[in-house]
Protein backbone atom coordinates (compact mmCIF):
# COMPACT_ATOMS: atom_id res chain seq x y z
CA MET A 1 112.46 84.50 94.29
CA THR A 2 113.16 83.25 97.74
CA THR A 3 110.07 83.87 100.12
CA LYS A 4 110.61 82.75 103.80
CA ILE A 5 107.72 83.09 106.26
CA ARG A 6 109.51 83.32 110.19
CA VAL A 7 107.57 84.27 113.32
CA VAL A 8 109.24 86.86 115.36
CA THR A 9 108.84 87.42 119.03
CA SER A 10 111.09 90.80 118.87
CA LEU A 11 112.38 93.14 116.19
CA SER A 12 115.53 95.09 115.62
CA ASP A 13 115.75 98.62 114.59
CA ALA A 14 116.42 97.67 111.38
CA GLU A 15 113.56 95.29 111.16
CA ILE A 16 111.12 98.16 112.36
CA GLN A 17 112.36 100.75 109.77
CA ARG A 18 111.54 98.83 107.60
CA LEU A 19 108.02 97.68 108.73
CA GLY A 20 107.26 101.62 109.20
CA GLU A 21 108.43 102.25 105.57
CA MET A 22 106.00 99.40 104.40
CA LEU A 23 103.27 100.89 106.95
CA VAL A 24 103.52 103.78 105.33
CA ALA A 25 103.44 102.62 101.94
CA VAL A 26 100.25 100.70 102.22
CA VAL A 27 98.41 103.41 103.78
CA GLU A 28 99.20 105.70 100.90
CA ALA A 29 98.01 103.16 98.58
CA GLY A 30 94.57 103.49 99.99
CA ALA A 31 94.45 100.50 102.67
CA SER A 32 92.59 100.55 106.29
CA VAL A 33 94.81 99.79 108.66
CA GLY A 34 93.72 102.29 111.24
CA TYR A 35 96.13 105.27 110.24
CA LEU A 36 95.37 107.95 107.44
CA PRO A 37 97.78 109.35 104.82
CA PRO A 38 99.68 111.05 105.16
CA LEU A 39 101.52 108.79 107.56
CA ASP A 40 104.23 110.00 109.73
CA ALA A 41 107.68 107.44 109.58
CA SER A 42 108.01 108.49 113.22
CA VAL A 43 104.22 107.32 114.12
CA ALA A 44 104.79 103.97 111.66
CA GLN A 45 108.21 102.95 113.72
CA GLN A 46 106.29 103.79 116.78
CA TYR A 47 103.46 101.22 116.14
CA TRP A 48 106.07 98.67 115.29
CA ARG A 49 108.26 99.25 118.48
CA GLY A 50 104.99 98.26 120.56
CA VAL A 51 103.93 95.07 118.20
CA CYS A 52 105.71 92.27 120.33
CA LYS A 53 103.84 90.95 123.02
CA PRO A 54 103.20 87.41 124.46
CA GLU A 55 99.49 87.94 123.57
CA VAL A 56 100.69 88.34 119.55
CA LEU A 57 102.19 86.54 117.13
CA LEU A 58 103.84 88.42 114.15
CA LEU A 59 104.57 86.71 110.92
CA LEU A 60 107.01 88.30 108.60
CA ALA A 61 107.43 87.69 104.59
CA GLU A 62 110.92 87.90 103.50
CA VAL A 63 111.29 87.91 99.39
CA ASP A 64 115.23 87.71 98.81
CA GLY A 65 115.87 88.62 102.04
CA GLU A 66 113.90 91.97 102.17
CA ILE A 67 110.85 92.29 104.69
CA ALA A 68 107.67 92.29 101.71
CA GLY A 69 104.66 91.59 104.17
CA THR A 70 103.88 90.57 107.79
CA VAL A 71 100.47 89.84 109.79
CA GLN A 72 99.35 89.21 112.75
CA LEU A 73 97.61 87.27 115.16
CA GLU A 74 96.12 88.50 118.48
CA LEU A 75 95.59 85.48 120.76
CA ALA A 76 92.28 85.95 122.88
CA THR A 77 93.48 85.35 126.74
CA LYS A 78 90.48 85.14 128.74
CA ALA A 79 89.37 81.58 129.99
CA ASN A 80 86.84 81.21 128.07
CA ALA A 81 88.29 82.31 124.60
CA ARG A 82 91.54 80.21 124.24
CA HIS A 83 90.41 78.66 121.54
CA ARG A 84 90.35 81.45 119.07
CA ALA A 85 92.20 84.44 117.99
CA GLU A 86 92.46 87.65 115.88
CA VAL A 87 94.17 88.34 112.29
CA ASN A 88 95.56 91.97 112.33
CA ARG A 89 97.20 94.02 109.97
CA LEU A 90 97.75 91.50 107.26
CA LEU A 91 99.84 93.75 105.05
CA VAL A 92 102.22 93.45 101.56
CA ASP A 93 104.26 96.14 100.41
CA PRO A 94 102.72 97.24 97.25
CA LYS A 95 105.63 96.18 95.16
CA TYR A 96 105.15 92.53 96.16
CA GLN A 97 100.96 93.02 96.02
CA ARG A 98 99.66 90.17 93.83
CA GLN A 99 102.24 87.85 93.64
CA GLY A 100 100.35 85.67 96.21
CA LEU A 101 102.52 87.03 99.48
CA GLY A 102 99.34 87.78 101.20
CA ARG A 103 97.93 84.09 100.30
CA VAL A 104 101.06 82.76 101.78
CA LEU A 105 101.39 84.72 105.12
CA MET A 106 97.44 83.60 105.65
CA GLU A 107 98.58 79.71 105.22
CA ALA A 108 101.06 80.26 107.80
CA LEU A 109 99.45 81.91 110.17
CA GLU A 110 96.45 79.43 110.10
CA SER A 111 99.10 76.46 110.09
CA GLU A 112 100.85 78.58 113.31
CA ALA A 113 97.17 79.13 115.06
CA LYS A 114 96.63 75.54 114.94
CA VAL A 115 99.49 74.83 116.63
CA LEU A 116 98.72 77.12 119.60
CA GLY A 117 95.36 75.47 119.47
CA ARG A 118 93.44 77.74 118.40
CA THR A 119 90.42 76.53 115.96
CA LEU A 120 88.37 80.13 115.32
CA LEU A 121 90.11 82.84 113.95
CA HIS A 122 88.31 86.38 113.04
CA LEU A 123 89.05 89.78 111.48
CA ASP A 124 88.08 92.74 109.82
CA THR A 125 88.08 94.68 106.73
CA ARG A 126 86.82 97.64 104.77
CA GLU A 127 83.36 97.54 102.99
CA GLY A 128 83.89 97.38 99.29
CA ASP A 129 87.46 96.51 99.58
CA THR A 130 89.32 94.11 97.14
CA SER A 131 90.74 92.11 100.46
CA ASN A 132 86.76 90.89 100.51
CA ASP A 133 87.41 88.83 97.85
CA PHE A 134 90.69 87.65 98.74
CA TYR A 135 89.37 86.52 102.34
CA ARG A 136 86.57 85.18 101.01
CA SER A 137 88.70 83.10 98.22
CA GLN A 138 90.66 81.90 100.97
CA GLY A 139 87.87 79.89 103.01
CA TRP A 140 86.48 83.30 105.28
CA THR A 141 82.36 82.98 106.25
CA GLU A 142 81.33 86.94 106.19
CA ALA A 143 79.55 87.34 109.75
CA GLY A 144 78.34 90.62 108.75
CA MET A 145 78.82 94.57 108.53
CA ILE A 146 78.73 97.65 110.85
CA PRO A 147 78.18 100.70 108.90
CA MET A 148 80.44 104.03 109.73
CA TRP A 149 83.14 102.17 111.55
CA ALA A 150 86.18 103.74 110.28
CA ARG A 151 87.35 107.09 108.67
CA SER A 152 88.81 107.21 105.03
CA SER A 153 91.19 109.43 103.66
CA GLY A 154 88.56 111.30 101.73
CA GLY A 155 86.54 111.98 105.41
CA SER A 156 83.64 109.70 104.45
CA LEU A 157 82.82 106.81 107.26
CA ASP A 158 83.03 103.56 105.78
CA GLY A 159 81.70 100.02 106.86
CA THR A 160 83.68 97.26 108.08
CA VAL A 161 83.05 93.63 106.84
CA PHE A 162 83.58 91.11 110.07
CA TYR A 163 84.69 87.46 108.96
CA TYR A 164 85.56 84.16 110.60
CA LYS A 165 87.19 80.77 110.13
CA VAL A 166 86.67 77.37 111.43
CA LEU A 167 89.65 75.44 111.73
CA GLU A 168 89.72 71.92 111.35
């Protein structure tokens, strides 16, 4: 298995289609990433059409040439905030999960953040998700939880846990 991480500034139609398929798959698998199942493929593709912006660093992970994961770094642009960034939508296609791809993506993202002079990263994830264990294992610090943050596919309102990481 050959894994390649690349930073992209634009997406081809084929990449948008593949990323849309992956977004649909992770939402169907229960990920809390802003959408509820069933997620229509056209809605997922529309999301990816709007991702590439100057303030968003988009990383793609390819396994043997297929997009298998992605993560975004949204750069704060205010004058007093240019040292920080938010991590968004760490997604790994369900068929590639539990193989270390999320870790590789986050390590690449942190390296890119350092190059850009970002020393503080933050993110949030659903309370109770296994992603909480993942972020803690990667050195992230829990900052707190807000209840009733996002609706789940079952209709309940779930809390979200905020994390931060100081880059050295």
